[in-house]
Amino acid sequence: MDATNDFQQFENLEDEQLPIAKHKLHNWTHFAGIYAAEHVAATEFVIGATFVALGATTKDILLGLLIGNILAVLSWTFITSPIAVDTRLSLYTYLNKIAGDSMTKLYNWANVIIFTVISAAMITVSATAVRFAFNIPPQLNWYPTNSWFVLIVLIVGTVVVSIAIYGFKAVSEFAGICAPWLFVMFTCGAFVLLPALSLEVLGKPLPNGWADFVSLGDQSIWTGINSDGQQGIGLTEVIGFAWAANTITHFGLIDMALFRFSKKKSYGLTTSTGMMFGHYVAWISAGIMGAGAAVIIGKSIVELDPGDVAYYALGWSGFVIVIVAGWTTAVANLYRAGLAAQAIFKSHSRKKTTIAVGLVTMVVACFPFVFSQILPLLTYAGLLVVPVGAIVFSEHQIFPRIGYTRYWLHYRQLTVSTPAIASWALGLVFGFGLNALNVMSFFYLFIPTWIFTILIYTFLAGRYGAKNKYPEAEEKEKIRNTNILKFQEQKAEGERIIIKDTTLFTKLLRGISLLVLIITVILACIVLFGSENAESYTQNREVFYKYAFICTVIYFVTAYWALKRGKIKNT
């Protein structure tokens, strides 16, 4: 077969079914932006309240979240990123190669459902913030009770779908704009409401040092007593919560879909923007904001809606943060859902499958019960996909080291992998069995489940053909991969070179967007450090509400304008 015919077979494949071409790889800044934006989400308000309800102490929160989030970053760096960069494939495409069509379709359907519901929940949260702005009644039933709420959900959902259908580049651009502002606003929210807490508990607007802050936290936020009035969770549980929160994407390898665009394996470390600035700072800030809002409103923190917390922390900017934080998470998860759907319906493009999934997502988002069940969903979804991540890790990283043949199923031209299906099933029985027996903390169940599945799959695959050698098939695969590289190099020659916009006006726009973020932080610092008593605190807070919102509008206008100018320069 000549090269032309080889190239023809690649022309007939969707880009998502081939390894990512070299000219489409991205620098670390793209991933830093994506993770910072995705993991500073509307759910952080809920999780911040969850730690309060679970009864963690201040010291356990500060240390436990630090350790747990570092472990999560290392999981992406040493488990997810290396496999993604080696193969340049999404998990869905890679799994099809090593486990066959039957298991892949079943797994992809599971992922379509999981990510559709997550996206729907985030759209619902964003719509809830808009509801506050228009005085639409709270949606307390499992079904919508107001037609205007449904209309808002559909409008918000349309924005999310519109961004997601344009693929990784659009997702990263959207995240790049939102990430700096989200981080600034979460931090400022804590600054603005900390004095309210301090005045209530300590009788002064600012704690005097570390000991005072810990005392404030222990008395009013992370008291060590759970919502049932009993002793709460400890350091070990806090670490496990932070580590396990994203098992679906690191141990479960879902984020191969993102890191296949990475130039280097070390870019797994960029997840620290999401974990340290996002989860660590945002969860702590959300706890402070929730407790402060509870003092002002006169309710318990666990009774507050994200819109309540955001409004009393940030004023009108609070509505914007709930909307944008919901969007950033919804977009990334809808992109993942579209990839999974495209792996099922191979004859359709990723854009078409993303639109189809997006329409279903918008319908699901109209039902408010979705968001209220998001935390149980994430927890069980992680345990569901971890065995699959273990199978892929075993095949890719362990098999070559013990003399087994990677891609043995593909070389044997089989369509069903009994070892993979059996290992997934046994892994689920093992993991959920440990949960039913209450052997250990639920947050750590993914670790023994992952190890157990690796051992089972390695054993079964060896019995079904992984121990054998397939030199002819391996040589054909090597030639095919070489032809793919040549094909992609040929296509790259016909694509335009991206020209960076370095014009003075664009630099000015970017400078203004940075300046207004700095001004927002300064205004928040004035509230935190410049309030001498309750009266001056209230005055400073009102000034922050007003000018922070003006800065928010200016930031998004200038940041988006600068982005559009860069795009025009490359058209």
Protein backbone atom coordinates (compact mmCIF):
# COMPACT_ATOMS: atom_id res chain seq x y z
CA MET A 1 0.00 0.00 0.00
CA ASP A 2 1.51 3.36 -0.99
CA ALA A 3 1.66 6.49 1.13
CA THR A 4 -1.25 8.15 -0.71
CA ASN A 5 -3.59 5.33 0.17
CA ASP A 6 -2.30 5.32 3.74
CA PHE A 7 -3.07 9.02 3.98
CA GLN A 8 -6.52 8.48 2.48
CA GLN A 9 -7.55 6.23 5.35
CA PHE A 10 -6.60 8.99 7.80
CA GLU A 11 -8.56 11.58 5.83
CA ASN A 12 -11.70 9.54 6.46
CA LEU A 13 -11.16 9.58 10.24
CA GLU A 14 -12.22 12.31 12.65
CA ASP A 15 -9.34 14.20 14.29
CA GLU A 16 -10.47 12.88 17.69
CA GLN A 17 -9.74 9.31 16.53
CA LEU A 18 -6.09 10.09 15.73
CA PRO A 19 -3.21 11.13 17.98
CA ILE A 20 -2.98 14.90 18.37
CA ALA A 21 -0.66 16.44 15.78
CA LYS A 22 2.53 18.18 16.95
CA HIS A 23 1.48 21.55 15.55
CA LYS A 24 -1.67 21.48 17.70
CA LEU A 25 0.13 21.09 21.03
CA HIS A 26 -0.12 23.82 23.65
CA ASN A 27 2.15 25.44 26.21
CA TRP A 28 1.67 25.15 29.97
CA THR A 29 -0.24 28.43 30.18
CA HIS A 30 -3.25 26.89 28.41
CA PHE A 31 -3.54 24.13 31.01
CA ALA A 32 -2.90 26.49 33.91
CA GLY A 33 -5.84 28.59 32.70
CA ILE A 34 -8.16 25.64 32.14
CA TYR A 35 -7.58 24.11 35.56
CA ALA A 36 -7.70 27.43 37.39
CA ALA A 37 -11.07 28.23 35.80
CA GLU A 38 -12.63 24.78 36.01
CA HIS A 39 -11.75 24.23 39.66
CA VAL A 40 -12.89 27.60 40.90
CA ALA A 41 -16.51 26.71 40.35
CA ALA A 42 -19.93 27.32 41.81
CA THR A 43 -19.64 23.99 43.64
CA GLU A 44 -16.88 25.52 45.78
CA PHE A 45 -19.59 27.42 47.66
CA VAL A 46 -21.30 24.11 48.45
CA ILE A 47 -18.07 22.27 49.35
CA GLY A 48 -17.01 25.17 51.58
CA ALA A 49 -20.25 24.69 53.53
CA THR A 50 -19.79 20.91 53.49
CA PHE A 51 -16.59 21.08 55.52
CA VAL A 52 -18.45 23.20 58.07
CA ALA A 53 -21.32 20.68 58.21
CA LEU A 54 -18.86 17.75 58.53
CA GLY A 55 -17.27 19.39 61.56
CA ALA A 56 -13.64 19.86 60.56
CA THR A 57 -11.37 22.06 62.70
CA THR A 58 -9.51 25.10 61.39
CA LYS A 59 -6.06 23.53 61.64
CA ASP A 60 -7.26 20.32 59.95
CA ILE A 61 -8.75 22.38 57.11
CA LEU A 62 -5.62 24.46 56.54
CA LEU A 63 -3.20 21.51 56.66
CA GLY A 64 -5.44 18.72 55.35
CA LEU A 65 -6.55 20.59 52.22
CA LEU A 66 -2.93 21.50 51.50
CA ILE A 67 -1.75 17.87 51.65
CA GLY A 68 -4.78 16.45 49.83
CA ASN A 69 -4.56 18.91 46.96
CA ILE A 70 -0.81 18.33 46.57
CA LEU A 71 -1.54 14.58 46.29
CA ALA A 72 -4.13 15.34 43.59
CA VAL A 73 -1.59 17.41 41.61
CA LEU A 74 0.94 14.56 41.85
CA SER A 75 -1.72 12.09 40.65
CA TRP A 76 -2.29 14.10 37.47
CA THR A 77 1.47 14.55 37.02
CA PHE A 78 2.57 10.93 37.43
CA ILE A 79 -0.52 8.96 36.36
CA THR A 80 -2.60 10.94 33.84
CA SER A 81 -0.20 13.24 32.00
CA PRO A 82 2.49 10.63 31.06
CA ILE A 83 -0.01 8.30 29.37
CA ALA A 84 -1.73 11.18 27.58
CA VAL A 85 1.55 12.60 26.23
CA ASP A 86 2.86 9.15 25.23
CA THR A 87 -0.24 8.28 23.21
CA ARG A 88 -1.73 11.69 22.29
CA LEU A 89 -5.13 9.97 22.54
CA SER A 90 -8.18 10.59 24.69
CA LEU A 91 -9.07 7.85 27.15
CA TYR A 92 -12.07 6.91 25.01
CA THR A 93 -9.99 6.23 21.89
CA TYR A 94 -7.21 4.50 23.83
CA LEU A 95 -9.66 2.27 25.68
CA ASN A 96 -11.20 1.14 22.41
CA LYS A 97 -7.76 -0.03 21.33
CA ILE A 98 -7.07 -2.14 24.42
CA ALA A 99 -10.55 -3.22 25.55
CA GLY A 100 -12.63 -3.50 22.39
CA ASP A 101 -15.91 -1.96 21.26
CA SER A 102 -18.28 -3.52 23.80
CA MET A 103 -16.59 -2.28 26.96
CA THR A 104 -15.68 1.04 25.38
CA LYS A 105 -19.27 1.79 24.40
CA LEU A 106 -20.54 0.85 27.85
CA TYR A 107 -17.89 3.01 29.51
CA ASN A 108 -18.48 5.92 27.15
CA TRP A 109 -22.21 5.84 27.82
CA ALA A 110 -21.44 6.00 31.54
CA ASN A 111 -19.23 9.03 30.95
CA VAL A 112 -21.78 10.76 28.73
CA ILE A 113 -24.33 10.45 31.55
CA ILE A 114 -21.90 11.52 34.30
CA PHE A 115 -20.56 14.58 32.50
CA THR A 116 -23.97 15.58 31.17
CA VAL A 117 -25.36 15.67 34.70
CA ILE A 118 -22.32 17.57 36.03
CA SER A 119 -22.67 20.14 33.24
CA ALA A 120 -26.40 20.39 33.84
CA ALA A 121 -25.85 21.01 37.55
CA MET A 122 -23.43 23.86 36.82
CA ILE A 123 -25.85 25.42 34.33
CA THR A 124 -28.58 25.23 37.00
CA VAL A 125 -26.32 27.01 39.50
CA SER A 126 -25.56 29.78 37.00
CA ALA A 127 -29.27 30.16 36.29
CA THR A 128 -29.95 30.37 40.03
CA ALA A 129 -27.77 33.47 40.25
CA VAL A 130 -29.70 35.06 37.38
CA ARG A 131 -32.90 34.13 39.22
CA PHE A 132 -31.83 36.34 42.14
CA ALA A 133 -31.24 39.28 39.84
CA PHE A 134 -34.77 39.07 38.40
CA ASN A 135 -36.58 38.15 41.66
CA ILE A 136 -37.73 34.80 40.30
CA PRO A 137 -38.99 32.55 43.14
CA PRO A 138 -36.62 29.87 44.53
CA GLN A 139 -36.91 26.51 42.79
CA LEU A 140 -37.32 24.13 45.75
CA ASN A 141 -39.01 21.18 44.02
CA TRP A 142 -37.27 18.54 41.91
CA TYR A 143 -39.05 20.04 38.87
CA PRO A 144 -39.16 23.69 37.68
CA THR A 145 -42.13 25.76 38.84
CA ASN A 146 -41.48 28.96 36.91
CA SER A 147 -41.34 29.36 33.13
CA TRP A 148 -38.92 32.30 33.42
CA PHE A 149 -36.47 30.08 35.28
CA VAL A 150 -36.65 27.55 32.43
CA LEU A 151 -36.00 30.33 29.91
CA ILE A 152 -32.94 31.50 31.88
CA VAL A 153 -31.60 27.93 32.04
CA LEU A 154 -31.95 27.58 28.27
CA ILE A 155 -30.17 30.90 27.64
CA VAL A 156 -27.32 30.05 30.03
CA GLY A 157 -27.08 26.56 28.56
CA THR A 158 -26.87 27.94 25.03
CA VAL A 159 -23.77 29.92 25.99
CA VAL A 160 -22.13 26.81 27.46
CA VAL A 161 -22.89 24.64 24.42
CA SER A 162 -21.74 27.37 22.01
CA ILE A 163 -18.32 27.47 23.65
CA ALA A 164 -17.93 23.70 24.06
CA ILE A 165 -18.68 22.83 20.41
CA TYR A 166 -15.62 24.73 19.21
CA GLY A 167 -13.31 22.30 20.99
CA PHE A 168 -10.21 22.50 23.14
CA LYS A 169 -9.02 25.88 21.84
CA ALA A 170 -12.30 27.59 22.68
CA VAL A 171 -12.43 25.93 26.09
CA SER A 172 -8.90 27.09 26.92
CA GLU A 173 -9.55 30.65 25.65
CA PHE A 174 -12.71 30.96 27.71
CA ALA A 175 -10.91 29.57 30.77
CA GLY A 176 -7.97 31.91 30.20
CA ILE A 177 -10.22 34.96 30.45
CA CYS A 178 -12.22 33.77 33.47
CA ALA A 179 -9.48 32.20 35.62
CA PRO A 180 -7.67 35.36 36.88
CA TRP A 181 -10.95 37.12 37.69
CA LEU A 182 -12.42 34.07 39.47
CA PHE A 183 -9.40 33.69 41.71
CA VAL A 184 -9.36 37.40 42.56
CA MET A 185 -13.07 37.44 43.40
CA PHE A 186 -12.99 34.33 45.62
CA THR A 187 -10.07 35.83 47.55
CA CYS A 188 -11.73 39.24 47.79
CA GLY A 189 -14.97 37.65 49.01
CA ALA A 190 -13.13 36.20 52.00
CA PHE A 191 -11.46 39.57 52.67
CA VAL A 192 -14.80 41.39 52.59
CA LEU A 193 -16.68 39.06 54.97
CA LEU A 194 -13.90 38.18 57.43
CA PRO A 195 -14.44 41.46 59.35
CA ALA A 196 -18.16 40.64 59.75
CA LEU A 197 -17.18 37.36 61.41
CA SER A 198 -14.47 38.96 63.50
CA LEU A 199 -16.83 41.66 64.76
CA GLU A 200 -19.40 39.03 65.72
CA VAL A 201 -17.00 36.63 67.46
CA LEU A 202 -14.01 38.67 68.61
CA GLY A 203 -15.61 42.10 68.91
CA LYS A 204 -13.06 43.67 66.56
CA PRO A 205 -12.90 43.94 62.75
CA LEU A 206 -9.62 42.04 62.31
CA PRO A 207 -7.97 39.12 64.14
CA ASN A 208 -4.66 40.01 65.76
CA GLY A 209 -2.36 37.39 64.26
CA TRP A 210 -2.45 33.67 63.55
CA ALA A 211 -3.71 32.54 66.96
CA ASP A 212 -6.65 34.95 66.74
CA PHE A 213 -7.52 33.73 63.24
CA VAL A 214 -7.48 30.07 64.32
CA SER A 215 -9.63 30.97 67.34
CA LEU A 216 -12.07 32.80 65.06
CA GLY A 217 -12.24 29.82 62.72
CA ASP A 218 -12.74 27.32 65.54
CA GLN A 219 -15.53 29.38 67.07
CA SER A 220 -17.48 30.45 63.99
CA ILE A 221 -16.54 28.41 60.89
CA TRP A 222 -14.70 25.10 61.34
CA THR A 223 -15.76 24.32 64.88
CA GLY A 224 -14.92 20.60 65.00
CA ILE A 225 -18.61 19.83 65.62
CA ASN A 226 -20.75 18.51 62.77
CA SER A 227 -24.33 19.47 61.91
CA ASP A 228 -25.62 16.72 64.25
CA GLY A 229 -23.79 18.21 67.21
CA GLN A 230 -21.18 15.44 67.35
CA GLN A 231 -17.42 15.41 66.88
CA GLY A 232 -16.58 15.98 63.22
CA ILE A 233 -14.08 14.63 60.71
CA GLY A 234 -10.32 14.79 61.35
CA LEU A 235 -7.17 15.54 59.38
CA THR A 236 -7.12 12.16 57.58
CA GLU A 237 -10.64 12.63 56.25
CA VAL A 238 -9.94 16.18 55.07
CA ILE A 239 -6.85 14.96 53.16
CA GLY A 240 -8.87 12.12 51.62
CA PHE A 241 -11.72 14.44 50.61
CA ALA A 242 -9.37 16.80 48.78
CA TRP A 243 -7.49 13.96 47.07
CA ALA A 244 -10.59 11.99 46.10
CA ALA A 245 -12.59 14.96 44.83
CA ASN A 246 -11.13 14.54 41.33
CA THR A 247 -10.39 10.81 41.13
CA ILE A 248 -12.63 10.63 38.07
CA THR A 249 -10.17 12.82 36.15
CA HIS A 250 -6.72 11.76 37.46
CA PHE A 251 -6.83 8.13 38.68
CA GLY A 252 -9.77 7.61 36.30
CA LEU A 253 -7.69 9.14 33.44
CA ILE A 254 -10.56 11.18 32.01
CA ASP A 255 -8.19 14.14 31.66
CA MET A 256 -6.15 12.33 29.03
CA ALA A 257 -8.57 14.24 26.78
CA LEU A 258 -6.95 17.50 27.90
CA PHE A 259 -3.33 16.47 28.44
CA ARG A 260 -3.00 14.84 25.01
CA PHE A 261 -2.52 18.45 23.84
CA SER A 262 0.36 18.95 26.28
CA LYS A 263 3.90 19.50 24.98
CA LYS A 264 5.47 17.94 28.07
CA LYS A 265 4.50 15.35 30.69
CA SER A 266 5.52 17.79 33.41
CA TYR A 267 2.54 19.99 32.50
CA GLY A 268 0.57 17.82 34.89
CA LEU A 269 1.93 20.20 37.51
CA THR A 270 -0.21 22.98 35.99
CA THR A 271 -3.19 21.39 37.76
CA SER A 272 -1.81 23.14 40.84
CA THR A 273 -3.54 26.33 39.64
CA GLY A 274 -6.84 24.52 40.08
CA MET A 275 -5.94 22.61 43.23
CA MET A 276 -3.96 25.21 45.19
CA PHE A 277 -5.46 28.47 43.98
CA GLY A 278 -8.79 26.89 43.17
CA HIS A 279 -9.70 24.17 45.65
CA TYR A 280 -7.41 25.17 48.51
CA VAL A 281 -7.98 28.93 48.49
CA ALA A 282 -11.55 28.75 47.16
CA TRP A 283 -12.75 26.14 49.69
CA ILE A 284 -11.27 28.11 52.57
CA SER A 285 -12.62 31.38 51.15
CA ALA A 286 -16.04 29.80 50.62
CA GLY A 287 -16.13 28.73 54.27
CA ILE A 288 -15.28 32.26 55.41
CA MET A 289 -17.78 33.81 52.98
CA GLY A 290 -20.51 31.39 54.00
CA ALA A 291 -19.98 31.99 57.71
CA GLY A 292 -19.84 35.77 57.17
CA ALA A 293 -23.01 35.78 55.08
CA ALA A 294 -24.72 33.62 57.72
CA VAL A 295 -23.89 36.23 60.38
CA ILE A 296 -25.30 39.06 58.23
CA ILE A 297 -28.47 37.17 57.21
CA GLY A 298 -28.95 35.40 60.55
CA LYS A 299 -29.08 31.85 59.19
CA SER A 300 -26.93 28.73 59.45
CA ILE A 301 -24.23 28.40 56.77
CA VAL A 302 -25.65 25.07 55.57
CA GLU A 303 -28.99 26.77 54.79
CA LEU A 304 -27.51 29.31 52.37
CA ASP A 305 -27.79 29.25 48.60
CA PRO A 306 -24.62 30.05 46.56
CA GLY A 307 -26.37 33.21 45.39
CA ASP A 308 -26.89 34.37 49.00
CA VAL A 309 -23.25 33.84 49.89
CA ALA A 310 -21.91 35.43 46.70
CA TYR A 311 -24.16 38.50 46.96
CA TYR A 312 -23.23 39.37 50.56
CA ALA A 313 -19.54 38.80 49.81
CA LEU A 314 -19.27 40.59 46.46
CA GLY A 315 -22.48 42.50 45.74
CA TRP A 316 -23.54 42.40 42.08
CA SER A 317 -20.18 40.86 41.22
CA GLY A 318 -21.37 37.89 43.29
CA PHE A 319 -24.08 37.15 40.75
CA VAL A 320 -21.46 37.27 38.02
CA ILE A 321 -19.08 34.92 39.86
CA VAL A 322 -21.77 32.27 40.35
CA ILE A 323 -22.70 32.49 36.67
CA VAL A 324 -19.11 32.43 35.37
CA ALA A 325 -17.95 29.76 37.86
CA GLY A 326 -20.84 27.57 36.73
CA TRP A 327 -20.05 28.20 33.06
CA THR A 328 -16.34 27.33 33.29
CA THR A 329 -17.01 23.94 34.87
CA ALA A 330 -19.98 23.20 32.61
CA VAL A 331 -18.00 23.96 29.44
CA ALA A 332 -15.09 21.66 30.32
CA ASN A 333 -17.40 18.80 31.30
CA LEU A 334 -19.62 19.20 28.26
CA TYR A 335 -16.47 19.03 26.11
CA ARG A 336 -15.62 15.71 27.81
CA ALA A 337 -19.19 14.45 27.32
CA GLY A 338 -18.99 15.35 23.62
CA LEU A 339 -15.75 13.39 23.27
CA ALA A 340 -17.30 10.33 24.92
CA ALA A 341 -20.37 10.58 22.67
CA GLN A 342 -18.19 10.94 19.57
CA ALA A 343 -16.33 7.76 20.56
CA ILE A 344 -19.70 5.95 20.53
CA PHE A 345 -21.06 7.51 17.33
CA LYS A 346 -17.88 7.45 15.25
CA SER A 347 -19.60 8.44 12.03
CA HIS A 348 -20.51 11.83 13.54
CA SER A 349 -18.16 14.71 14.30
CA ARG A 350 -17.39 15.83 17.85
CA LYS A 351 -19.23 19.10 17.17
CA LYS A 352 -22.43 17.26 16.27
CA THR A 353 -22.26 14.92 19.26
CA THR A 354 -21.49 17.87 21.57
CA ILE A 355 -24.54 19.76 20.26
CA ALA A 356 -26.74 16.67 20.79
CA VAL A 357 -25.40 16.10 24.30
CA GLY A 358 -25.67 19.83 24.99
CA LEU A 359 -29.38 19.89 24.12
CA VAL A 360 -30.03 17.01 26.52
CA THR A 361 -27.91 18.80 29.15
CA MET A 362 -30.02 21.94 28.86
CA VAL A 363 -33.22 19.94 29.41
CA VAL A 364 -31.75 18.19 32.47
CA ALA A 365 -30.55 21.55 33.84
CA CYS A 366 -34.16 22.73 34.03
CA PHE A 367 -34.70 20.33 36.97
CA PRO A 368 -33.23 21.85 40.18
CA PHE A 369 -32.78 18.47 41.94
CA VAL A 370 -29.67 17.84 39.80
CA PHE A 371 -27.52 20.36 41.65
CA SER A 372 -28.66 19.21 45.08
CA GLN A 373 -27.35 15.70 44.30
CA ILE A 374 -24.05 16.75 42.70
CA LEU A 375 -21.75 15.74 45.56
CA PRO A 376 -23.01 12.12 45.86
CA LEU A 377 -22.79 11.87 42.08
CA LEU A 378 -19.14 12.98 42.00
CA THR A 379 -18.23 10.60 44.81
CA TYR A 380 -19.76 7.51 43.24
CA ALA A 381 -18.71 8.49 39.72
CA GLY A 382 -15.09 8.50 40.87
CA LEU A 383 -15.33 4.97 42.23
CA LEU A 384 -17.09 3.86 39.04
CA VAL A 385 -14.32 4.95 36.65
CA VAL A 386 -11.22 4.26 38.77
CA PRO A 387 -11.10 0.54 37.77
CA VAL A 388 -11.04 1.59 34.09
CA GLY A 389 -8.19 3.97 34.80
CA ALA A 390 -6.39 1.09 36.50
CA ILE A 391 -6.81 -1.12 33.41
CA VAL A 392 -5.31 1.54 31.14
CA PHE A 393 -2.47 2.26 33.58
CA SER A 394 -1.68 -1.44 33.80
CA GLU A 395 -1.65 -1.90 30.03
CA HIS A 396 0.42 1.19 29.31
CA GLN A 397 2.86 1.44 32.19
CA ILE A 398 3.15 -2.03 33.72
CA PHE A 399 2.94 -4.41 30.74
CA PRO A 400 6.16 -3.21 29.01
CA ARG A 401 8.04 -3.48 32.31
CA ILE A 402 7.07 -7.11 32.98
CA GLY A 403 7.51 -8.38 29.41
CA TYR A 404 3.85 -8.32 28.42
CA THR A 405 2.72 -6.91 25.05
CA ARG A 406 0.93 -3.58 25.06
CA TYR A 407 -2.11 -3.49 22.69
CA TRP A 408 -2.23 -7.31 22.57
CA LEU A 409 -6.01 -7.27 22.00
CA HIS A 410 -5.59 -4.94 19.01
CA TYR A 411 -2.85 -7.16 17.58
CA ARG A 412 -5.07 -10.22 17.92
CA GLN A 413 -7.85 -8.28 16.12
CA LEU A 414 -10.36 -9.09 18.85
CA THR A 415 -13.38 -6.88 19.51
CA VAL A 416 -14.14 -7.95 23.08
CA SER A 417 -11.68 -7.99 25.99
CA THR A 418 -12.83 -10.50 28.58
CA PRO A 419 -9.98 -9.51 30.97
CA ALA A 420 -10.95 -5.82 30.79
CA ILE A 421 -14.70 -6.38 31.27
CA ALA A 422 -14.13 -8.88 34.08
CA SER A 423 -11.58 -6.64 35.80
CA TRP A 424 -13.91 -3.62 35.67
CA ALA A 425 -16.80 -5.67 37.08
CA LEU A 426 -14.66 -7.22 39.84
CA GLY A 427 -13.16 -3.81 40.64
CA LEU A 428 -16.63 -2.35 41.12
CA VAL A 429 -17.70 -5.27 43.32
CA PHE A 430 -14.50 -4.87 45.35
CA GLY A 431 -14.78 -1.08 45.75
CA PHE A 432 -18.48 -0.86 46.52
CA GLY A 433 -18.16 -4.01 48.66
CA LEU A 434 -15.58 -2.28 50.85
CA ASN A 435 -17.95 0.66 51.09
CA ALA A 436 -20.87 -1.55 52.14
CA LEU A 437 -18.72 -3.26 54.79
CA ASN A 438 -17.49 0.15 56.01
CA VAL A 439 -13.92 -1.17 56.10
CA MET A 440 -12.32 2.25 55.66
CA SER A 441 -13.13 5.89 54.96
CA PHE A 442 -15.05 6.24 51.71
CA PHE A 443 -12.64 8.94 50.56
CA TYR A 444 -9.78 6.42 50.29
CA LEU A 445 -11.64 3.53 48.64
CA PHE A 446 -10.28 4.48 45.21
CA ILE A 447 -6.73 3.45 46.24
CA PRO A 448 -7.32 -0.26 47.10
CA THR A 449 -9.84 -0.47 44.24
CA TRP A 450 -7.24 0.84 41.78
CA ILE A 451 -4.53 -1.56 43.02
CA PHE A 452 -6.92 -4.54 43.08
CA THR A 453 -8.04 -3.90 39.48
CA ILE A 454 -4.43 -3.59 38.28
CA LEU A 455 -3.56 -6.99 39.79
CA ILE A 456 -6.68 -8.69 38.40
CA TYR A 457 -6.30 -7.23 34.90
CA THR A 458 -2.58 -8.05 34.70
CA PHE A 459 -3.28 -11.65 35.73
CA LEU A 460 -6.22 -12.16 33.35
CA ALA A 461 -4.58 -10.40 30.39
CA GLY A 462 -1.57 -12.69 30.77
CA ARG A 463 -3.87 -15.70 30.50
CA TYR A 464 -5.62 -14.33 27.38
CA GLY A 465 -2.62 -13.37 25.27
CA ALA A 466 -0.71 -10.43 26.75
CA LYS A 467 2.30 -12.68 27.50
CA ASN A 468 2.71 -13.51 23.82
CA LYS A 469 4.70 -11.56 21.20
CA TYR A 470 3.20 -10.20 17.97
CA PRO A 471 6.17 -8.96 15.89
CA GLU A 472 4.32 -8.63 12.55
CA ALA A 473 1.39 -6.74 14.07
CA GLU A 474 3.75 -4.50 16.04
CA GLU A 475 5.66 -3.64 12.87
CA LYS A 476 2.43 -2.75 11.07
CA GLU A 477 1.45 -0.52 14.00
CA LYS A 478 4.85 1.16 13.89
CA ILE A 479 4.49 1.87 10.15
CA ARG A 480 0.94 3.17 10.66
CA ASN A 481 2.10 5.58 13.39
CA THR A 482 4.91 6.82 11.13
CA ASN A 483 2.40 7.44 8.33
CA ILE A 484 0.12 9.33 10.73
CA LEU A 485 3.01 11.66 11.60
CA LYS A 486 3.75 12.25 7.91
CA PHE A 487 0.07 12.83 7.19
CA GLN A 488 -0.19 15.37 10.01
CA GLU A 489 3.01 17.13 8.94
CA GLN A 490 1.57 17.42 5.43
CA LYS A 491 -1.66 18.92 6.77
CA ALA A 492 0.29 21.33 9.02
CA GLU A 493 2.06 22.82 5.99
CA GLY A 494 -1.26 24.05 4.66
CA GLU A 495 -2.35 25.66 7.93
CA ARG A 496 -1.79 29.29 8.83
CA ILE A 497 0.90 30.23 11.33
CA ILE A 498 -0.53 31.89 14.42
CA ILE A 499 0.63 35.51 14.64
CA LYS A 500 0.82 36.95 18.13
CA ASP A 501 -0.87 40.31 18.49
CA THR A 502 1.73 42.73 19.88
CA THR A 503 0.04 46.00 18.87
CA LEU A 504 0.05 48.87 21.33
CA PHE A 505 -3.76 48.99 21.63
CA THR A 506 -4.01 45.29 22.46
CA LYS A 507 -1.29 45.68 25.08
CA LEU A 508 -3.26 48.61 26.50
CA LEU A 509 -6.42 46.48 26.72
CA ARG A 510 -4.54 43.73 28.54
CA GLY A 511 -2.96 46.31 30.83
CA ILE A 512 -6.37 47.74 31.73
CA SER A 513 -7.79 44.28 32.46
CA LEU A 514 -4.88 43.60 34.82
CA LEU A 515 -5.18 47.05 36.43
CA VAL A 516 -8.86 46.61 37.33
CA LEU A 517 -8.08 43.25 38.98
CA ILE A 518 -5.43 44.98 41.08
CA ILE A 519 -7.89 47.76 41.97
CA THR A 520 -10.44 45.13 43.05
CA VAL A 521 -7.89 43.53 45.38
CA ILE A 522 -6.95 46.94 46.82
CA LEU A 523 -10.63 47.71 47.52
CA ALA A 524 -11.00 44.37 49.31
CA CYS A 525 -7.84 45.04 51.35
CA ILE A 526 -9.31 48.39 52.41
CA VAL A 527 -12.38 46.54 53.72
CA LEU A 528 -10.22 43.99 55.56
CA PHE A 529 -7.48 46.23 56.94
CA GLY A 530 -9.07 49.69 56.88
CA SER A 531 -12.24 49.10 58.90
CA GLU A 532 -11.86 50.46 62.44
CA ASN A 533 -15.36 49.58 63.63
CA ALA A 534 -18.71 48.17 62.45
CA GLU A 535 -19.80 51.46 60.91
CA SER A 536 -16.64 52.00 58.84
CA TYR A 537 -16.74 48.32 57.85
CA THR A 538 -20.23 48.69 56.42
CA GLN A 539 -19.23 51.84 54.52
CA ASN A 540 -16.08 50.23 53.09
CA ARG A 541 -18.06 47.14 52.10
CA GLU A 542 -20.61 49.20 50.19
CA VAL A 543 -17.82 51.03 48.36
CA PHE A 544 -16.32 47.65 47.42
CA TYR A 545 -19.66 46.34 46.13
CA LYS A 546 -20.05 49.35 43.82
CA TYR A 547 -16.58 49.69 42.35
CA ALA A 548 -15.79 45.96 42.24
CA PHE A 549 -18.76 45.51 39.91
CA ILE A 550 -17.57 48.36 37.68
CA CYS A 551 -14.11 46.71 37.61
CA THR A 552 -15.72 43.38 36.73
CA VAL A 553 -17.49 44.88 33.71
CA ILE A 554 -14.31 46.63 32.56
CA TYR A 555 -12.26 43.45 33.02
CA PHE A 556 -14.45 41.24 30.84
CA VAL A 557 -14.87 43.90 28.15
CA THR A 558 -11.14 44.57 27.83
CA ALA A 559 -10.03 40.92 28.20
CA TYR A 560 -12.50 39.73 25.56
CA TRP A 561 -11.68 42.65 23.27
CA ALA A 562 -7.98 41.80 23.44
CA LEU A 563 -8.78 38.16 22.65
CA LYS A 564 -10.92 39.12 19.64
CA ARG A 565 -8.22 41.43 18.28
CA GLY A 566 -5.77 38.53 18.40
CA LYS A 567 -8.24 36.35 16.49
CA ILE A 568 -8.84 39.02 13.82
CA LYS A 569 -5.10 39.29 13.27
CA ASN A 570 -5.04 35.57 12.45
CA THR A 571 -7.98 35.52 10.03
